[in-house]
C-alpha atoms as a PDB file:
ATOM      1  CA  MET A   1      74.582 106.682   7.158  1.00  0.00           C
ATOM      2  CA  SER A   2      74.458 107.674  11.416  1.00  0.00           C
ATOM      3  CA  LYS A   3      71.705 105.744  13.319  1.00  0.00           C
ATOM      4  CA  LYS A   4      69.773 108.259  15.948  1.00  0.00           C
ATOM      5  CA  ILE A   5      67.453 108.141  18.817  1.00  0.00           C
ATOM      6  CA  VAL A   6      66.525 110.243  21.117  1.00  0.00           C
ATOM      7  CA  ALA A   7      64.352 108.951  23.889  1.00  0.00           C
ATOM      8  CA  ILE A   8      62.824 111.474  26.372  1.00  0.00           C
ATOM      9  CA  GLY A   9      61.770 109.876  29.595  1.00  0.00           C
ATOM     10  CA  GLY A  10      58.690 111.886  29.988  1.00  0.00           C
ATOM     11  CA  GLY A  11      58.110 115.987  30.194  1.00  0.00           C
ATOM     12  CA  GLU A  12      54.827 118.260  29.230  1.00  0.00           C
ATOM     13  CA  ASN A  13      54.874 119.498  26.080  1.00  0.00           C
ATOM     14  CA  GLY A  14      52.444 122.143  26.175  1.00  0.00           C
ATOM     15  CA  ARG A  15      49.325 120.615  25.705  1.00  0.00           C
ATOM     16  CA  LEU A  16      45.741 121.994  27.241  1.00  0.00           C
ATOM     17  CA  ARG A  17      44.250 121.055  30.521  1.00  0.00           C
ATOM     18  CA  SER A  18      40.792 120.086  30.846  1.00  0.00           C
ATOM     19  CA  ASP A  19      40.441 124.092  32.339  1.00  0.00           C
ATOM     20  CA  GLY A  20      41.832 125.960  29.078  1.00  0.00           C
ATOM     21  CA  THR A  21      44.987 126.359  30.109  1.00  0.00           C
ATOM     22  CA  ARG A  22      47.712 124.678  28.968  1.00  0.00           C
ATOM     23  CA  TYR A  23      51.045 122.856  31.161  1.00  0.00           C
ATOM     24  CA  PRO A  24      54.655 124.100  30.781  1.00  0.00           C
ATOM     25  CA  TYR A  25      56.774 123.486  27.654  1.00  0.00           C
ATOM     26  CA  GLU A  26      59.572 121.791  29.319  1.00  0.00           C
ATOM     27  CA  LEU A  27      61.329 119.807  26.478  1.00  0.00           C
ATOM     28  CA  GLU A  28      62.962 122.688  25.075  1.00  0.00           C
ATOM     29  CA  ASN A  29      66.231 121.298  24.728  1.00  0.00           C
ATOM     30  CA  GLN A  30      65.087 118.153  23.467  1.00  0.00           C
ATOM     31  CA  ASP A  31      63.395 119.118  20.609  1.00  0.00           C
ATOM     32  CA  LYS A  32      65.747 121.340  19.340  1.00  0.00           C
ATOM     33  CA  GLU A  33      68.344 118.324  19.555  1.00  0.00           C
ATOM     34  CA  ILE A  34      65.847 116.179  17.830  1.00  0.00           C
ATOM     35  CA  ILE A  35      66.496 119.106  14.850  1.00  0.00           C
ATOM     36  CA  ARG A  36      70.005 119.592  14.985  1.00  0.00           C
ATOM     37  CA  LEU A  37      70.216 115.472  14.566  1.00  0.00           C
ATOM     38  CA  THR A  38      68.962 116.125  10.894  1.00  0.00           C
ATOM     39  CA  GLY A  39      71.711 118.674   9.913  1.00  0.00           C
ATOM     40  CA  LYS A  40      68.496 120.696   8.354  1.00  0.00           C
ATOM     41  CA  GLN A  41      67.532 123.777   9.629  1.00  0.00           C
ATOM     42  CA  HIS A  42      63.516 123.015   8.907  1.00  0.00           C
ATOM     43  CA  PRO A  43      63.553 118.971   8.602  1.00  0.00           C
ATOM     44  CA  ASN A  44      60.303 117.294   7.968  1.00  0.00           C
ATOM     45  CA  PHE A  45      57.983 116.241  11.004  1.00  0.00           C
ATOM     46  CA  LEU A  46      56.385 113.336  10.904  1.00  0.00           C
ATOM     47  CA  PHE A  47      54.048 112.352  13.736  1.00  0.00           C
ATOM     48  CA  ILE A  48      53.013 108.610  14.820  1.00  0.00           C
ATOM     49  CA  ALA A  49      50.872 108.465  17.879  1.00  0.00           C
ATOM     50  CA  HIS A  50      49.801 104.460  17.816  1.00  0.00           C
ATOM     51  CA  SER A  51      50.137 104.422  21.318  1.00  0.00           C
ATOM     52  CA  GLN A  52      47.107 106.331  21.439  1.00  0.00           C
ATOM     53  CA  PRO A  53      43.529 105.571  20.791  1.00  0.00           C
ATOM     54  CA  LEU A  54      42.519 106.614  16.794  1.00  0.00           C
ATOM     55  CA  ASP A  55      40.142 109.266  18.217  1.00  0.00           C
ATOM     56  CA  GLY A  56      42.746 110.904  20.150  1.00  0.00           C
ATOM     57  CA  GLN A  57      45.861 110.815  17.479  1.00  0.00           C
ATOM     58  CA  GLU A  58      44.494 114.191  15.849  1.00  0.00           C
ATOM     59  CA  GLY A  59      44.450 116.337  18.686  1.00  0.00           C
ATOM     60  CA  TYR A  60      48.131 115.113  19.780  1.00  0.00           C
ATOM     61  CA  PHE A  61      49.227 115.869  16.433  1.00  0.00           C
ATOM     62  CA  GLN A  62      47.836 119.292  16.559  1.00  0.00           C
ATOM     63  CA  VAL A  63      50.075 119.791  19.845  1.00  0.00           C
ATOM     64  CA  MET A  64      53.242 118.642  18.614  1.00  0.00           C
ATOM     65  CA  VAL A  65      52.342 120.904  15.573  1.00  0.00           C
ATOM     66  CA  ASP A  66      52.170 123.938  17.867  1.00  0.00           C
ATOM     67  CA  ILE A  67      55.811 122.997  18.290  1.00  0.00           C
ATOM     68  CA  TYR A  68      57.497 121.774  15.369  1.00  0.00           C
ATOM     69  CA  GLY A  69      55.501 123.240  13.056  1.00  0.00           C
ATOM     70  CA  LYS A  70      54.869 127.338  14.805  1.00  0.00           C
ATOM     71  CA  MET A  71      57.820 126.876  17.154  1.00  0.00           C
ATOM     72  CA  TYR A  72      61.004 125.607  14.822  1.00  0.00           C
ATOM     73  CA  GLY A  73      58.859 125.722  11.071  1.00  0.00           C
ATOM     74  CA  CYS A  74      59.120 122.507  10.315  1.00  0.00           C
ATOM     75  CA  PRO A  75      56.520 120.743   7.854  1.00  0.00           C
ATOM     76  CA  CYS A  76      54.797 118.550   9.945  1.00  0.00           C
ATOM     77  CA  LYS A  77      52.651 115.496   8.618  1.00  0.00           C
ATOM     78  CA  HIS A  78      50.532 112.643  10.582  1.00  0.00           C
ATOM     79  CA  LEU A  79      50.513 109.003   9.372  1.00  0.00           C
ATOM     80  CA  LYS A  80      47.285 107.650  11.699  1.00  0.00           C
ATOM     81  CA  SER A  81      47.500 104.419  13.123  1.00  0.00           C
ATOM     82  CA  ASN A  82      44.350 103.037  10.565  1.00  0.00           C
ATOM     83  CA  LYS A  83      46.938 103.838   7.948  1.00  0.00           C
ATOM     84  CA  LEU A  84      49.085 101.184   8.344  1.00  0.00           C
ATOM     85  CA  THR A  85      47.944  98.290   6.256  1.00  0.00           C
ATOM     86  CA  ASP A  86      48.322 101.576   2.785  1.00  0.00           C
ATOM     87  CA  ALA A  87      52.235  99.871   1.984  1.00  0.00           C
ATOM     88  CA  LYS A  88      51.979 102.784  -0.682  1.00  0.00           C
ATOM     89  CA  TYR A  89      51.162 105.530   1.382  1.00  0.00           C
ATOM     90  CA  VAL A  90      53.186 104.690   4.299  1.00  0.00           C
ATOM     91  CA  LYS A  91      56.319 104.535   2.345  1.00  0.00           C
ATOM     92  CA  GLN A  92      55.518 107.967   1.044  1.00  0.00           C
ATOM     93  CA  LEU A  93      55.408 109.340   4.682  1.00  0.00           C
ATOM     94  CA  VAL A  94      58.440 107.602   6.034  1.00  0.00           C
ATOM     95  CA  ASP A  95      60.449 108.341   2.789  1.00  0.00           C
ATOM     96  CA  TRP A  96      59.747 112.064   3.623  1.00  0.00           C
ATOM     97  CA  ALA A  97      60.305 112.475   7.218  1.00  0.00           C
ATOM     98  CA  ASP A  98      63.591 113.297   8.460  1.00  0.00           C
ATOM     99  CA  ILE A  99      62.139 112.849  11.906  1.00  0.00           C
ATOM    100  CA  ILE A 100      60.000 109.940  13.349  1.00  0.00           C
ATOM    101  CA  PHE A 101      58.310 111.055  16.731  1.00  0.00           C
ATOM    102  CA  GLU A 102      55.904 108.722  18.449  1.00  0.00           C
ATOM    103  CA  GLY A 103      53.900 110.098  21.354  1.00  0.00           C
ATOM    104  CA  GLY A 104      53.225 108.589  24.722  1.00  0.00           C
ATOM    105  CA  GLY A 105      50.522 106.117  25.703  1.00  0.00           C
ATOM    106  CA  ASN A 106      49.938 102.662  25.629  1.00  0.00           C
ATOM    107  CA  THR A 107      53.000 100.736  24.680  1.00  0.00           C
ATOM    108  CA  LEU A 108      51.825  97.216  24.506  1.00  0.00           C
ATOM    109  CA  ASP A 109      48.925  97.768  22.026  1.00  0.00           C
ATOM    110  CA  MET A 110      51.720 100.047  19.866  1.00  0.00           C
ATOM    111  CA  ILE A 111      54.166  97.357  19.393  1.00  0.00           C
ATOM    112  CA  LYS A 112      51.225  94.619  18.785  1.00  0.00           C
ATOM    113  CA  LEU A 113      49.678  96.861  16.152  1.00  0.00           C
ATOM    114  CA  TRP A 114      53.078  97.636  14.512  1.00  0.00           C
ATOM    115  CA  GLN A 115      54.119  93.647  14.173  1.00  0.00           C
ATOM    116  CA  ALA A 116      50.592  92.745  12.659  1.00  0.00           C
ATOM    117  CA  THR A 117      51.060  95.474  10.047  1.00  0.00           C
ATOM    118  CA  GLY A 118      54.726  95.142   9.308  1.00  0.00           C
ATOM    119  CA  PHE A 119      55.386  98.445  10.116  1.00  0.00           C
ATOM    120  CA  ASP A 120      57.915  97.473  12.869  1.00  0.00           C
ATOM    121  CA  GLN A 121      59.951  96.787   9.835  1.00  0.00           C
ATOM    122  CA  VAL A 122      59.265  99.920   8.204  1.00  0.00           C
ATOM    123  CA  LEU A 123      60.742 101.575  11.310  1.00  0.00           C
ATOM    124  CA  LYS A 124      63.669  99.613  11.638  1.00  0.00           C
ATOM    125  CA  GLN A 125      64.659 100.472   7.841  1.00  0.00           C
ATOM    126  CA  ALA A 126      64.184 103.830   8.491  1.00  0.00           C
ATOM    127  CA  TRP A 127      66.874 103.989  11.503  1.00  0.00           C
ATOM    128  CA  GLU A 128      68.965 102.252   9.039  1.00  0.00           C
ATOM    129  CA  ASN A 129      68.572 105.218   6.971  1.00  0.00           C
ATOM    130  CA  GLY A 130      69.688 107.747   9.041  1.00  0.00           C
ATOM    131  CA  LYS A 131      66.031 109.139  10.037  1.00  0.00           C
ATOM    132  CA  VAL A 132      65.535 110.377  13.672  1.00  0.00           C
ATOM    133  CA  MET A 133      63.560 108.156  15.551  1.00  0.00           C
ATOM    134  CA  CYS A 134      62.580 109.663  18.614  1.00  0.00           C
ATOM    135  CA  GLY A 135      59.836 110.215  20.850  1.00  0.00           C
ATOM    136  CA  VAL A 136      58.368 110.664  24.992  1.00  0.00           C
ATOM    137  CA  SER A 137      57.421 107.366  26.999  1.00  0.00           C
ATOM    138  CA  ALA A 138      55.884 105.177  24.813  1.00  0.00           C
ATOM    139  CA  GLY A 139      57.702 106.488  21.917  1.00  0.00           C
ATOM    140  CA  ALA A 140      60.774 106.191  24.131  1.00  0.00           C
ATOM    141  CA  ASN A 141      60.388 102.662  25.171  1.00  0.00           C
ATOM    142  CA  CYS A 142      59.792 101.296  21.816  1.00  0.00           C
ATOM    143  CA  TRP A 143      63.405 101.712  20.324  1.00  0.00           C
ATOM    144  CA  PHE A 144      64.880  98.951  22.830  1.00  0.00           C
ATOM    145  CA  LYS A 145      64.998  95.520  23.672  1.00  0.00           C
ATOM    146  CA  GLN A 146      62.599  95.747  26.604  1.00  0.00           C
ATOM    147  CA  CYS A 147      60.812  98.208  28.516  1.00  0.00           C
ATOM    148  CA  LEU A 148      58.981  98.835  31.660  1.00  0.00           C
ATOM    149  CA  THR A 149      55.603  99.421  31.122  1.00  0.00           C
ATOM    150  CA  ASP A 150      51.935 100.876  32.311  1.00  0.00           C
ATOM    151  CA  SER A 151      49.783  99.971  29.202  1.00  0.00           C
ATOM    152  CA  LEU A 152      47.747  97.345  32.061  1.00  0.00           C
ATOM    153  CA  GLN A 153      47.057 100.191  34.086  1.00  0.00           C
ATOM    154  CA  ILE A 154      45.995 102.486  30.975  1.00  0.00           C
ATOM    155  CA  LYS A 155      43.718  99.634  29.603  1.00  0.00           C
ATOM    156  CA  GLN A 156      42.250  97.788  32.978  1.00  0.00           C
ATOM    157  CA  GLY A 157      42.773 100.430  35.426  1.00  0.00           C
ATOM    158  CA  ALA A 158      45.136 101.492  38.508  1.00  0.00           C
ATOM    159  CA  ASP A 159      45.188  98.246  40.119  1.00  0.00           C
ATOM    160  CA  GLN A 160      47.154  96.670  37.562  1.00  0.00           C
ATOM    161  CA  PRO A 161      51.080  96.002  38.116  1.00  0.00           C
ATOM    162  CA  LEU A 162      53.432  97.729  35.759  1.00  0.00           C
ATOM    163  CA  VAL A 163      55.113  94.906  33.633  1.00  0.00           C
ATOM    164  CA  SER A 164      58.318  94.290  31.159  1.00  0.00           C
ATOM    165  CA  MET A 165      57.876  93.808  27.570  1.00  0.00           C
ATOM    166  CA  GLN A 166      59.237  93.011  24.317  1.00  0.00           C
ATOM    167  CA  CYS A 167      60.097  96.004  21.894  1.00  0.00           C
ATOM    168  CA  LEU A 168      61.627  96.500  18.744  1.00  0.00           C
ATOM    169  CA  GLY A 169      65.556  95.948  20.255  1.00  0.00           C
ATOM    170  CA  PHE A 170      67.190  98.969  18.301  1.00  0.00           C
ATOM    171  CA  VAL A 171      69.476  99.261  21.666  1.00  0.00           C
ATOM    172  CA  ASP A 172      70.295  96.404  23.604  1.00  0.00           C
ATOM    173  CA  GLY A 173      68.706  97.776  26.843  1.00  0.00           C
ATOM    174  CA  PHE A 174      65.547  97.552  29.127  1.00  0.00           C
ATOM    175  CA  PHE A 175      64.143 101.136  28.959  1.00  0.00           C
ATOM    176  CA  VAL A 176      62.478 102.954  31.944  1.00  0.00           C
ATOM    177  CA  PRO A 177      60.592 106.150  31.531  1.00  0.00           C
ATOM    178  CA  HIS A 178      59.396 108.395  34.251  1.00  0.00           C
ATOM    179  CA  CYS A 179      62.112 106.760  36.400  1.00  0.00           C
ATOM    180  CA  ASN A 180      61.904 109.735  39.125  1.00  0.00           C
ATOM    181  CA  ASN A 181      58.455 107.856  40.004  1.00  0.00           C
ATOM    182  CA  ALA A 182      59.555 105.172  43.072  1.00  0.00           C
ATOM    183  CA  GLU A 183      56.721 102.986  41.883  1.00  0.00           C
ATOM    184  CA  ARG A 184      58.622 102.467  38.524  1.00  0.00           C
ATOM    185  CA  LEU A 185      61.579 102.222  39.707  1.00  0.00           C
ATOM    186  CA  GLU A 186      61.089  99.662  42.561  1.00  0.00           C
ATOM    187  CA  SER A 187      59.232  97.649  39.770  1.00  0.00           C
ATOM    188  CA  ALA A 188      62.185  97.958  37.137  1.00  0.00           C
ATOM    189  CA  LYS A 189      64.185  96.266  40.285  1.00  0.00           C
ATOM    190  CA  HIS A 190      62.348  93.172  40.634  1.00  0.00           C
ATOM    191  CA  LEU A 191      62.143  92.899  36.809  1.00  0.00           C
ATOM    192  CA  LEU A 192      65.587  93.823  35.502  1.00  0.00           C
ATOM    193  CA  LYS A 193      66.293  90.484  38.170  1.00  0.00           C
ATOM    194  CA  THR A 194      64.481  88.116  35.797  1.00  0.00           C
ATOM    195  CA  SER A 195      65.419  89.589  32.240  1.00  0.00           C
ATOM    196  CA  GLN A 196      69.435  89.928  33.527  1.00  0.00           C
ATOM    197  CA  GLN A 197      69.125  93.324  30.555  1.00  0.00           C
ATOM    198  CA  ILE A 198      70.824  96.560  31.784  1.00  0.00           C
ATOM    199  CA  GLY A 199      68.152  98.751  32.726  1.00  0.00           C
ATOM    200  CA  LEU A 200      68.086 102.516  31.208  1.00  0.00           C
ATOM    201  CA  GLY A 201      66.208 104.844  33.505  1.00  0.00           C
ATOM    202  CA  VAL A 202      65.494 107.676  32.512  1.00  0.00           C
ATOM    203  CA  ALA A 203      63.531 110.673  34.088  1.00  0.00           C
ATOM    204  CA  ASN A 204      60.989 113.286  33.011  1.00  0.00           C
ATOM    205  CA  CYS A 205      62.815 116.512  31.174  1.00  0.00           C
ATOM    206  CA  THR A 206      65.659 114.205  30.783  1.00  0.00           C
ATOM    207  CA  ALA A 207      66.409 112.040  27.089  1.00  0.00           C
ATOM    208  CA  LEU A 208      68.890 109.787  26.385  1.00  0.00           C
ATOM    209  CA  GLU A 209      70.717 110.259  22.866  1.00  0.00           C
ATOM    210  CA  ILE A 210      72.432 107.782  20.932  1.00  0.00           C
ATOM    211  CA  VAL A 211      74.096 107.982  18.066  1.00  0.00           C
ATOM    212  CA  ASP A 212      75.543 105.019  16.454  1.00  0.00           C
ATOM    213  CA  ASN A 213      77.760 103.465  19.414  1.00  0.00           C
ATOM    214  CA  ARG A 214      78.052 106.820  21.722  1.00  0.00           C
ATOM    215  CA  TYR A 215      75.204 107.894  24.015  1.00  0.00           C
ATOM    216  CA  ARG A 216      74.775 111.246  26.212  1.00  0.00           C
ATOM    217  CA  LEU A 217      71.825 112.699  28.160  1.00  0.00           C
ATOM    218  CA  ILE A 218      69.905 115.954  26.963  1.00  0.00           C
ATOM    219  CA  THR A 219      68.450 117.653  30.204  1.00  0.00           C
ATOM    220  CA  SER A 220      65.985 120.302  30.548  1.00  0.00           C
ATOM    221  CA  ASP A 221      63.919 122.296  33.837  1.00  0.00           C
ATOM    222  CA  ALA A 222      62.120 119.561  35.842  1.00  0.00           C
ATOM    223  CA  SER A 223      61.678 122.223  39.134  1.00  0.00           C
ATOM    224  CA  GLN A 224      57.663 121.661  37.751  1.00  0.00           C
ATOM    225  CA  HIS A 225      58.040 117.495  38.727  1.00  0.00           C
ATOM    226  CA  ASN A 226      59.878 118.632  42.225  1.00  0.00           C
ATOM    227  CA  THR A 227      63.315 116.403  40.438  1.00  0.00           C
ATOM    228  CA  HIS A 228      65.987 117.277  38.767  1.00  0.00           C
ATOM    229  CA  PRO A 229      66.595 115.233  34.835  1.00  0.00           C
ATOM    230  CA  PHE A 230      68.411 112.505  35.289  1.00  0.00           C
ATOM    231  CA  GLY A 231      69.592 108.968  33.954  1.00  0.00           C
ATOM    232  CA  LEU A 232      69.960 105.447  35.973  1.00  0.00           C
ATOM    233  CA  LYS A 233      71.911 102.684  34.855  1.00  0.00           C
ATOM    234  CA  MET A 234      70.282  99.630  36.852  1.00  0.00           C
ATOM    235  CA  TYR A 235      71.456  95.682  37.118  1.00  0.00           C
ATOM    236  CA  TRP A 236      71.581  92.600  38.757  1.00  0.00           C
ATOM    237  CA  GLU A 237      74.558  90.467  38.907  1.00  0.00           C
ATOM    238  CA  ASN A 238      75.997  87.575  41.273  1.00  0.00           C
ATOM    239  CA  GLY A 239      72.811  88.244  43.299  1.00  0.00           C
ATOM    240  CA  GLU A 240      73.189  91.992  43.994  1.00  0.00           C
ATOM    241  CA  PHE A 241      71.445  94.827  42.658  1.00  0.00           C
ATOM    242  CA  PHE A 242      73.648  97.832  41.222  1.00  0.00           C
ATOM    243  CA  GLN A 243      72.223 101.679  40.692  1.00  0.00           C
ATOM    244  CA  GLU A 244      74.379 104.199  39.413  1.00  0.00           C
ATOM    245  CA  GLU A 245      73.310 107.611  38.326  1.00  0.00           C
ATOM    246  CA  MET A 246      74.666 108.515  33.951  1.00  0.00           C
ATOM    247  CA  ASP A 247      77.240 110.383  33.705  1.00  0.00           C
ATOM    248  CA  ALA A 248      74.812 113.896  33.101  1.00  0.00           C
ATOM    249  CA  SER A 249      77.909 115.429  30.734  1.00  0.00           C
ATOM    250  CA  PRO A 250      77.542 117.111  27.377  1.00  0.00           C
ATOM    251  CA  GLU A 251      80.487 115.232  25.652  1.00  0.00           C
ATOM    252  CA  PHE A 252      78.996 112.036  24.169  1.00  0.00           C
ATOM    253  CA  LYS A 253      80.718 108.458  25.932  1.00  0.00           C
ATOM    254  CA  PRO A 254      80.858 105.202  24.260  1.00  0.00           C
ATOM    255  CA  LEU A 255      77.522 103.206  24.274  1.00  0.00           C
ATOM    256  CA  GLU A 256      79.717  99.995  25.412  1.00  0.00           C
ATOM    257  CA  GLN A 257      80.009 101.308  28.754  1.00  0.00           C
ATOM    258  CA  LEU A 258      76.602 102.078  29.195  1.00  0.00           C
ATOM    259  CA  LEU A 259      75.544  98.642  28.294  1.00  0.00           C
ATOM    260  CA  SER A 260      77.776  96.743  30.508  1.00  0.00           C
ATOM    261  CA  ARG A 261      78.886  95.630  33.710  1.00  0.00           C
ATOM    262  CA  ASN A 262      82.318  95.903  33.627  1.00  0.00           C
ATOM    263  CA  ILE A 263      82.843  99.258  35.078  1.00  0.00           C
ATOM    264  CA  LYS A 264      82.849 101.373  38.170  1.00  0.00           C
ATOM    265  CA  ARG A 265      79.360 100.540  40.485  1.00  0.00           C
ATOM    266  CA  GLY A 266      77.457 102.871  42.185  1.00  0.00           C
ATOM    267  CA  ALA A 267      75.505 102.368  45.196  1.00  0.00           C
ATOM    268  CA  ASN A 268      73.539  99.537  45.886  1.00  0.00           C
END
């Protein structure tokens, strides 16, 4: 059974603005690839907005229903965070799902919740069973060993630092979402020196797709963010920092190359 992850660095999904207009829908290519990976035309879509407060989860779900349900014809269900202690109910929904999608928000509280309820092990089993594990920002962070997160800023205010944290560890790397942001890149550079992980920076409108031991980037138009879609590999070695853009060609490449230091280095 193939193990599948689609980790989206950021991008808009057509949600409502406060003035009643909608943000653009930028992640069509990524959403279509998530569906394709299931091998089904209309796969079952399970949304878990556990990085959001409970009172915000239903609204987020309805945004995703507009995409996966109305646009692509997928049956959609929602597992709210206050249901995670009901093991029978959780198993029923996870067994039903072909796609498990976590949204953006507070990675720190989300991982703590999963560990406290045992949902982290449920997700691991789902991944091993071949379900497509995916999400954006916090919902991309979670699948990796470590990540860069703004959870303290979400909880305590913008004056708090970006920090690193341990996540589920399905992939042995340090994930950096929204890496088109200069502050995030500088924080990642500093934190990677301590962690000694390979940093995997993924910009808005870019997804890192990992199927078993292969990877590639899935990209879409990022002009709304005044950038281009890209991924970065970052690491320290012998006191020097190395950073290079990931190969954005559509072919799958060996994941081992991405997660190792013994390949051609980019600019310092």
